Protein backbone atom coordinates (compact mmCIF):
# COMPACT_ATOMS: atom_id res chain seq x y z
CA MET A 1 -37.01 148.70 -25.64
CA ASP A 2 -35.15 151.15 -27.89
CA GLY A 3 -34.83 150.94 -31.62
CA GLY A 4 -31.31 149.45 -31.64
CA THR A 5 -32.28 146.44 -29.92
CA GLN A 6 -34.17 143.57 -31.52
CA PRO A 7 -36.96 141.86 -29.64
CA LEU A 8 -36.23 138.55 -28.21
CA ARG A 9 -37.77 135.46 -30.04
CA GLN A 10 -39.70 133.18 -27.72
CA ARG A 11 -38.88 129.45 -28.16
CA ARG A 12 -41.69 127.06 -28.90
CA PRO A 13 -41.72 123.68 -27.18
CA PRO A 14 -41.05 120.71 -29.49
CA VAL A 15 -44.11 119.10 -31.15
CA GLU A 16 -44.62 115.56 -29.95
CA PRO A 17 -45.91 113.12 -32.42
CA PRO A 18 -49.45 111.99 -31.92
CA GLN A 19 -49.69 108.90 -29.70
CA GLY A 20 -52.77 107.32 -31.45
CA ASN A 21 -51.09 105.99 -34.65
CA GLY A 22 -48.33 104.22 -32.86
CA ASP A 23 -50.63 102.47 -30.53
CA PHE A 24 -52.87 101.30 -33.41
CA THR A 25 -49.80 99.62 -35.13
CA ALA A 26 -48.80 97.91 -32.00
CA ILE A 27 -52.36 96.69 -31.43
CA LEU A 28 -52.47 95.19 -35.06
CA THR A 29 -49.13 93.50 -34.48
CA VAL A 30 -50.19 91.94 -31.22
CA LEU A 31 -53.58 90.87 -32.78
CA PHE A 32 -51.92 89.26 -35.85
CA GLY A 33 -49.55 87.40 -33.58
CA PHE A 34 -52.42 86.34 -31.37
CA ILE A 35 -54.27 84.95 -34.55
CA VAL A 36 -51.18 83.16 -35.58
CA ILE A 37 -50.82 81.46 -32.14
CA VAL A 38 -54.53 80.64 -32.04
CA SER A 39 -54.18 79.08 -35.64
CA MET A 40 -51.26 76.94 -34.57
CA VAL A 41 -52.54 75.99 -31.08
CA LEU A 42 -56.36 75.97 -31.02
CA ILE A 43 -57.35 75.24 -34.56
CA PRO A 44 -55.65 71.66 -34.79
CA SER A 45 -58.33 70.46 -32.31
CA SER A 46 -61.28 71.92 -34.32
CA SER A 47 -62.93 70.52 -37.36
CA PRO A 48 -60.72 69.73 -40.50
CA THR A 49 -62.62 72.18 -42.70
CA LEU A 50 -62.21 75.10 -40.36
CA LYS A 51 -58.51 74.03 -39.82
CA ASN A 52 -57.84 73.95 -43.54
CA SER A 53 -59.40 77.38 -43.94
CA LEU A 54 -57.77 79.11 -41.09
CA THR A 55 -54.29 77.57 -40.89
CA ILE A 56 -51.31 79.32 -42.43
CA LEU A 57 -48.75 76.65 -41.99
CA HIS A 58 -50.01 73.28 -43.03
CA GLN A 59 -48.27 69.85 -43.72
CA VAL A 60 -48.84 67.47 -46.72
CA PRO A 61 -48.37 63.76 -45.69
CA GLU A 62 -46.08 61.45 -47.54
CA GLY A 63 -48.01 59.66 -50.42
CA HIS A 64 -50.31 62.76 -50.85
CA VAL A 65 -50.31 65.99 -52.82
CA GLY A 66 -51.68 69.29 -51.67
CA VAL A 67 -54.67 70.62 -53.58
CA TYR A 68 -55.76 74.23 -53.14
CA TRP A 69 -59.05 76.24 -53.78
CA MET A 70 -58.77 80.09 -53.83
CA GLY A 71 -62.11 81.58 -53.33
CA GLY A 72 -63.76 78.32 -54.23
CA ALA A 73 -61.83 77.89 -57.54
CA LEU A 74 -59.72 74.82 -57.78
CA GLN A 75 -55.94 75.71 -58.50
CA LYS A 76 -53.86 73.71 -60.91
CA THR A 77 -50.91 74.13 -58.74
CA THR A 78 -50.31 71.13 -56.32
CA THR A 79 -47.64 70.75 -53.54
CA THR A 80 -45.45 67.90 -52.67
CA PRO A 81 -45.13 66.29 -49.11
CA GLY A 82 -43.78 68.62 -46.48
CA PHE A 83 -44.61 71.96 -44.81
CA HIS A 84 -46.21 74.85 -46.86
CA LEU A 85 -47.81 78.25 -46.29
CA LYS A 86 -51.17 79.55 -47.48
CA LEU A 87 -53.51 82.52 -46.88
CA PRO A 88 -56.00 81.80 -44.17
CA LEU A 89 -59.77 82.14 -44.91
CA ILE A 90 -58.97 82.79 -48.68
CA THR A 91 -57.16 79.59 -49.57
CA HIS A 92 -58.65 76.18 -48.82
CA TYR A 93 -56.31 73.05 -48.74
CA GLU A 94 -57.02 69.29 -48.95
CA PRO A 95 -54.46 66.47 -49.10
CA VAL A 96 -55.23 63.92 -51.85
CA GLN A 97 -53.68 60.42 -51.67
CA VAL A 98 -51.82 59.27 -54.89
CA THR A 99 -50.58 55.93 -53.60
CA LEU A 100 -52.34 52.67 -53.32
CA GLN A 101 -55.45 52.86 -51.15
CA THR A 102 -58.16 50.40 -50.21
CA ASP A 103 -61.81 51.37 -50.25
CA THR A 104 -64.10 49.08 -48.23
CA VAL A 105 -67.67 48.92 -49.47
CA ARG A 106 -69.95 47.41 -46.83
CA ASP A 107 -73.50 45.91 -46.84
CA ILE A 108 -74.38 45.44 -50.51
CA PRO A 109 -77.77 43.90 -50.92
CA CYS A 110 -78.76 42.13 -54.21
CA GLY A 111 -81.39 39.91 -55.71
CA THR A 112 -80.43 36.86 -57.83
CA LYS A 113 -82.04 35.75 -60.99
CA GLY A 114 -84.26 33.43 -58.99
CA GLY A 115 -85.52 36.16 -56.71
CA VAL A 116 -83.39 35.12 -53.63
CA MET A 117 -82.08 38.11 -51.72
CA ILE A 118 -78.49 37.89 -50.59
CA ASN A 119 -76.09 40.42 -49.02
CA PHE A 120 -72.33 40.98 -49.51
CA ASP A 121 -70.95 42.12 -46.19
CA ARG A 122 -67.69 43.52 -47.54
CA ILE A 123 -66.03 44.21 -50.87
CA GLU A 124 -62.53 45.81 -50.88
CA VAL A 125 -61.34 47.78 -53.93
CA VAL A 126 -57.58 48.49 -54.22
CA ASN A 127 -57.17 51.61 -56.29
CA ARG A 128 -54.85 54.48 -57.02
CA LEU A 129 -55.25 58.07 -58.36
CA LYS A 130 -52.52 59.00 -60.78
CA LYS A 131 -50.60 62.12 -59.76
CA GLU A 132 -50.73 63.80 -63.08
CA SER A 133 -54.55 63.34 -63.21
CA VAL A 134 -55.39 64.87 -59.84
CA TYR A 135 -56.56 68.28 -61.16
CA ASP A 136 -58.81 66.86 -63.90
CA THR A 137 -60.35 64.17 -61.55
CA LEU A 138 -61.10 66.60 -58.74
CA LEU A 139 -62.34 69.24 -61.07
CA ASN A 140 -64.94 66.80 -62.61
CA TYR A 141 -65.84 64.74 -59.47
CA GLY A 142 -64.49 66.49 -56.40
CA VAL A 143 -62.42 65.24 -53.57
CA GLU A 144 -64.95 62.49 -52.88
CA TYR A 145 -64.42 61.00 -56.49
CA ASP A 146 -64.15 57.54 -54.99
CA HIS A 147 -67.83 57.65 -53.91
CA THR A 148 -68.95 58.08 -57.45
CA TRP A 149 -66.60 55.62 -59.15
CA ILE A 150 -66.13 52.98 -56.44
CA TYR A 151 -68.68 52.90 -53.75
CA ASP A 152 -71.73 53.69 -55.82
CA LYS A 153 -70.29 51.77 -58.89
CA ILE A 154 -69.77 48.60 -56.88
CA HIS A 155 -73.43 48.61 -55.72
CA HIS A 156 -74.45 48.98 -59.35
CA GLU A 157 -72.25 46.29 -60.74
CA ILE A 158 -73.07 43.69 -57.95
CA ASN A 159 -76.69 44.14 -58.60
CA GLN A 160 -76.15 43.85 -62.34
CA PHE A 161 -74.25 40.66 -61.84
CA CYS A 162 -76.83 39.07 -59.48
CA SER A 163 -79.75 39.92 -61.64
CA VAL A 164 -78.55 37.74 -64.48
CA HIS A 165 -77.25 34.78 -62.48
CA SER A 166 -78.84 32.20 -60.18
CA LEU A 167 -77.97 31.73 -56.58
CA GLN A 168 -76.00 28.58 -57.52
CA ASP A 169 -73.88 30.66 -59.78
CA VAL A 170 -73.28 33.58 -57.52
CA TYR A 171 -72.70 31.52 -54.36
CA ILE A 172 -70.75 28.56 -55.74
CA ASP A 173 -70.13 28.09 -59.40
CA MET A 174 -69.14 31.61 -60.42
CA PHE A 175 -68.01 33.05 -57.18
CA ASP A 176 -64.32 32.74 -58.14
CA GLN A 177 -65.03 34.97 -61.17
CA ILE A 178 -66.71 37.94 -59.34
CA ASP A 179 -63.43 39.60 -58.38
CA GLU A 180 -62.27 39.79 -61.99
CA THR A 181 -65.60 40.65 -63.30
CA MET A 182 -65.98 43.67 -60.88
CA LYS A 183 -62.46 44.77 -61.52
CA ASP A 184 -62.95 44.80 -65.21
CA ALA A 185 -66.38 46.62 -64.95
CA LEU A 186 -64.96 49.33 -62.78
CA GLN A 187 -61.83 49.87 -64.84
CA ALA A 188 -63.85 50.09 -68.06
CA ASP A 189 -65.98 52.94 -66.71
CA CYS A 190 -62.99 54.65 -65.02
CA THR A 191 -60.98 54.50 -68.23
CA ARG A 192 -63.77 56.01 -70.20
CA TYR A 193 -64.99 58.83 -67.86
CA ALA A 194 -62.17 59.15 -65.10
CA PRO A 195 -58.94 57.91 -66.72
CA GLY A 196 -56.81 59.03 -63.66
CA ILE A 197 -58.35 56.21 -61.48
CA GLU A 198 -56.63 52.90 -61.67
CA ILE A 199 -58.30 49.78 -60.24
CA ILE A 200 -55.59 47.34 -58.99
CA SER A 201 -57.80 44.55 -57.64
CA VAL A 202 -61.17 43.75 -56.07
CA ARG A 203 -61.78 41.25 -53.17
CA VAL A 204 -65.24 40.02 -52.70
CA THR A 205 -66.32 38.17 -49.54
CA LYS A 206 -68.76 35.20 -49.49
CA PRO A 207 -72.30 36.60 -49.45
CA SER A 208 -74.79 36.07 -46.76
CA ILE A 209 -77.75 33.84 -47.78
CA PRO A 210 -80.98 32.81 -46.07
CA GLU A 211 -80.48 30.11 -43.46
CA SER A 212 -82.67 27.58 -45.08
CA VAL A 213 -80.93 27.92 -48.32
CA ARG A 214 -77.47 27.77 -46.65
CA ARG A 215 -78.57 24.45 -44.98
CA ASN A 216 -79.48 23.03 -48.41
CA PHE A 217 -76.12 24.09 -49.85
CA GLU A 218 -74.38 22.58 -46.94
CA GLN A 219 -76.21 19.20 -47.53
CA MET A 220 -75.42 19.44 -51.27
CA GLU A 221 -71.83 20.17 -50.34
CA ASP A 222 -71.75 17.07 -48.02
CA GLU A 223 -73.14 14.84 -50.82
CA ARG A 224 -70.78 16.24 -53.36
CA THR A 225 -67.85 15.65 -50.86
CA LYS A 226 -69.07 12.06 -50.45
CA VAL A 227 -69.03 11.67 -54.19
CA LEU A 228 -65.68 13.16 -54.53
CA VAL A 229 -64.40 10.75 -51.85
CA SER A 230 -65.81 7.80 -53.73
CA VAL A 231 -64.46 9.00 -56.86
CA GLU A 232 -61.09 9.48 -55.34
CA ARG A 233 -61.20 6.03 -53.66
CA GLN A 234 -62.09 4.54 -57.09
CA ARG A 235 -59.25 6.47 -58.53
CA VAL A 236 -56.83 5.11 -55.87
CA ALA A 237 -58.06 1.53 -56.44
CA GLU A 238 -57.56 2.03 -60.27
CA LYS A 239 -54.05 3.37 -59.56
CA GLU A 240 -53.31 0.43 -57.22
CA ALA A 241 -54.51 -2.05 -59.82
CA GLU A 242 -52.45 -0.26 -62.46
CA THR A 243 -49.41 -0.42 -60.27
CA GLN A 244 -49.96 -4.10 -59.61
CA LYS A 245 -50.31 -4.68 -63.39
CA LYS A 246 -47.20 -2.73 -63.99
CA ILE A 247 -45.37 -4.78 -61.20
CA ALA A 248 -46.64 -8.00 -62.79
CA ILE A 249 -45.64 -6.93 -66.25
CA THR A 250 -42.23 -5.90 -64.94
CA GLU A 251 -41.87 -9.24 -63.01
CA ALA A 252 -42.88 -11.17 -66.27
CA GLU A 253 -40.43 -9.17 -68.42
CA LYS A 254 -37.78 -9.87 -65.74
CA ASN A 255 -38.57 -13.68 -65.77
CA ALA A 256 -38.67 -13.63 -69.56
CA TYR A 257 -35.33 -11.84 -69.74
CA VAL A 258 -33.83 -14.28 -67.20
CA SER A 259 -35.11 -17.28 -69.08
CA LYS A 260 -33.81 -15.76 -72.31
CA ILE A 261 -30.38 -15.42 -70.64
CA VAL A 262 -30.65 -18.99 -69.23
CA MET A 263 -31.74 -20.34 -72.55
CA GLU A 264 -28.85 -18.59 -74.35
CA GLN A 265 -26.45 -19.87 -71.74
CA LYS A 266 -27.75 -23.44 -72.40
CA LEU A 267 -27.58 -23.00 -76.07
CA MET A 268 -24.03 -21.74 -75.70
CA GLU A 269 -23.28 -24.85 -73.47
CA LYS A 270 -24.88 -27.20 -76.08
CA ASP A 271 -23.02 -25.40 -78.78
CA SER A 272 -19.84 -25.80 -76.80
CA LEU A 273 -20.59 -29.54 -76.25
CA ARG A 274 -21.48 -29.98 -79.86
CA LYS A 275 -18.20 -28.39 -80.89
CA GLN A 276 -16.42 -30.74 -78.35
CA GLU A 277 -18.22 -33.75 -79.84
CA GLU A 278 -17.28 -32.63 -83.33
CA ILE A 279 -13.76 -32.35 -82.24
CA SER A 280 -13.88 -35.65 -80.42
CA ASN A 281 -15.46 -37.33 -83.48
CA ALA A 282 -12.93 -35.88 -85.78
CA MET A 283 -10.27 -36.97 -83.51
CA TYR A 284 -11.79 -40.43 -83.31
CA ILE A 285 -12.37 -40.69 -87.10
CA ALA A 286 -8.72 -39.60 -87.63
CA ARG A 287 -7.50 -42.09 -85.04
CA GLU A 288 -9.75 -44.93 -86.52
CA LYS A 289 -8.68 -44.00 -90.03
CA SER A 290 -5.05 -44.13 -88.91
CA LEU A 291 -5.67 -47.46 -87.23
CA ALA A 292 -7.56 -48.69 -90.30
CA ASP A 293 -4.72 -47.46 -92.60
CA ALA A 294 -2.18 -49.16 -90.31
CA LYS A 295 -4.23 -52.37 -90.25
CA TYR A 296 -4.70 -52.24 -94.02
CA TYR A 297 -1.01 -51.66 -94.41
CA GLN A 298 -0.39 -54.54 -92.04
CA THR A 299 -2.82 -56.78 -93.86
CA MET A 300 -1.27 -55.82 -97.16
CA LYS A 301 2.11 -56.55 -95.91
CA GLU A 302 0.99 -59.83 -94.43
CA ALA A 303 -0.71 -60.78 -97.72
CA GLU A 304 2.46 -59.87 -99.51
CA ALA A 305 4.32 -62.09 -96.99
CA ASN A 306 1.82 -64.88 -97.28
CA LYS A 307 2.08 -64.66 -101.05
CA LEU A 308 5.64 -65.15 -100.83
CA LYS A 309 5.12 -68.16 -98.45
CA LEU A 310 2.52 -69.81 -100.56
CA THR A 311 4.80 -72.33 -102.14
CA PRO A 312 4.01 -76.02 -102.54
CA GLN A 313 6.67 -76.98 -100.07
CA PHE A 314 5.07 -74.49 -97.44
CA LEU A 315 1.61 -75.59 -98.10
CA GLU A 316 2.64 -79.25 -97.83
CA LEU A 317 4.30 -78.50 -94.54
CA LYS A 318 1.16 -76.74 -93.23
CA PHE A 319 -0.96 -79.67 -94.41
CA ILE A 320 1.23 -82.14 -92.57
CA GLU A 321 1.19 -79.99 -89.43
CA ALA A 322 -2.67 -79.91 -89.64
CA ILE A 323 -2.87 -83.63 -90.12
CA SER A 324 -0.46 -84.11 -87.30
CA ASN A 325 -2.55 -81.92 -84.94
CA ASN A 326 -5.58 -84.14 -85.56
CA THR A 327 -6.27 -85.98 -82.17
CA LYS A 328 -8.39 -88.74 -83.72
CA MET A 329 -6.95 -92.28 -83.72
CA PHE A 330 -8.11 -94.84 -86.20
CA PHE A 331 -7.91 -98.56 -85.42
CA GLY A 332 -8.82 -101.37 -87.88
CA ASN A 333 -7.88 -103.25 -90.79
CA LYS A 334 -8.52 -100.50 -93.28
CA ILE A 335 -7.34 -96.99 -92.62
CA PRO A 336 -9.19 -94.05 -94.46
CA ASN A 337 -7.58 -93.49 -97.84
CA MET A 338 -8.04 -89.77 -97.87
CA VAL A 339 -5.31 -89.20 -95.47
CA MET A 340 -2.86 -90.87 -97.59
CA ASP A 341 -4.54 -90.07 -100.96
CA GLN A 342 -1.96 -88.23 -102.94
CA ARG A 343 -4.40 -87.08 -105.60
CA LEU A 344 -6.54 -85.26 -102.96
CA LEU A 345 -3.50 -83.46 -101.76
CA GLY A 346 -2.61 -82.52 -105.24
CA ASN A 347 -6.20 -81.21 -105.75
CA PHE A 348 -5.89 -79.18 -102.61
CA LEU A 349 -2.72 -77.63 -103.68
CA GLN A 350 -4.04 -76.71 -107.11
CA ASP A 351 -7.14 -75.19 -105.49
CA MET A 352 -4.83 -72.92 -103.24
CA GLU A 353 -2.64 -71.95 -106.21
CA GLY A 354 -5.87 -70.91 -108.05
CA ARG A 355 -7.12 -68.63 -105.24
CA ARG A 356 -3.68 -67.15 -104.92
CA ASN A 357 -3.82 -66.23 -108.62
CA LEU A 358 -7.24 -64.71 -108.30
CA GLU A 359 -6.14 -62.55 -105.38
CA ALA A 360 -3.13 -61.39 -107.36
């Protein structure tokens, strides 16, 4: 080549990027996707603990709150029902129920004051964990807080109750009080040490007792039933007697009332008759008085008329008429002188005149 000409530059082939880095990124992406698929498909069939540790997407059921541990430390943050995300293997998750739940404690043996061993087959405790107290309760007693304050506590309280009461008290006399006694005892300790736990109610089943003791109790119950039946019959008889007494009293009162009414009616009739008699008597008296007055008036008028008639001539006429009316006939030589005695006639007339003067 001469000096006027420049040498030709050789072209280098383009540098290709290294293939190793791209392949590694793709492998990581595929691996991560595979882990996600395995977490969503295979882990639900595995143990709950492994599931809660490895799952990314998890669901909090209704009536629960989600509680989380990061590296073993309980977190104050809780989640509401629904779907949520977490870091697998780092964050552990547990659902905690905050609605009413029933814990059933089974097979609780205890000894009574008299030394008889009995067994409570089942005791149900209805309780609830307050939502705002979830963190403090789980921090102090863990997720199995109910084992400490319900299951174990029921065993303790039942044995305490049985140890100070006889079999008669536990099985019959005070059995209806055990529910409230257990509820108050559980609530008192929960209020003092775990205020987030609320005891709603306690249901205690009838305890199992030895067969021989049970037969004795059945016999006692039969006798008591007979006594109650007798007492009830006596009460019914007393009620019937009282009813009969009330019926008799009512009947007597009715008869007395009727008799009173009849008596008043008779008195009214007698009073009416008396008034009628009084009216009749008054009318009779008035009529008799009128008749007497008329007769008196008639007599007075007749007397006045007779007074006017009493003259010697009239009296002589009457005397002659009386003599003439005499039917006796006298025969003989000597006729009675008195008939013709003028002096006797004069005496008779004078006597009549004197009586007239006296009446005047």
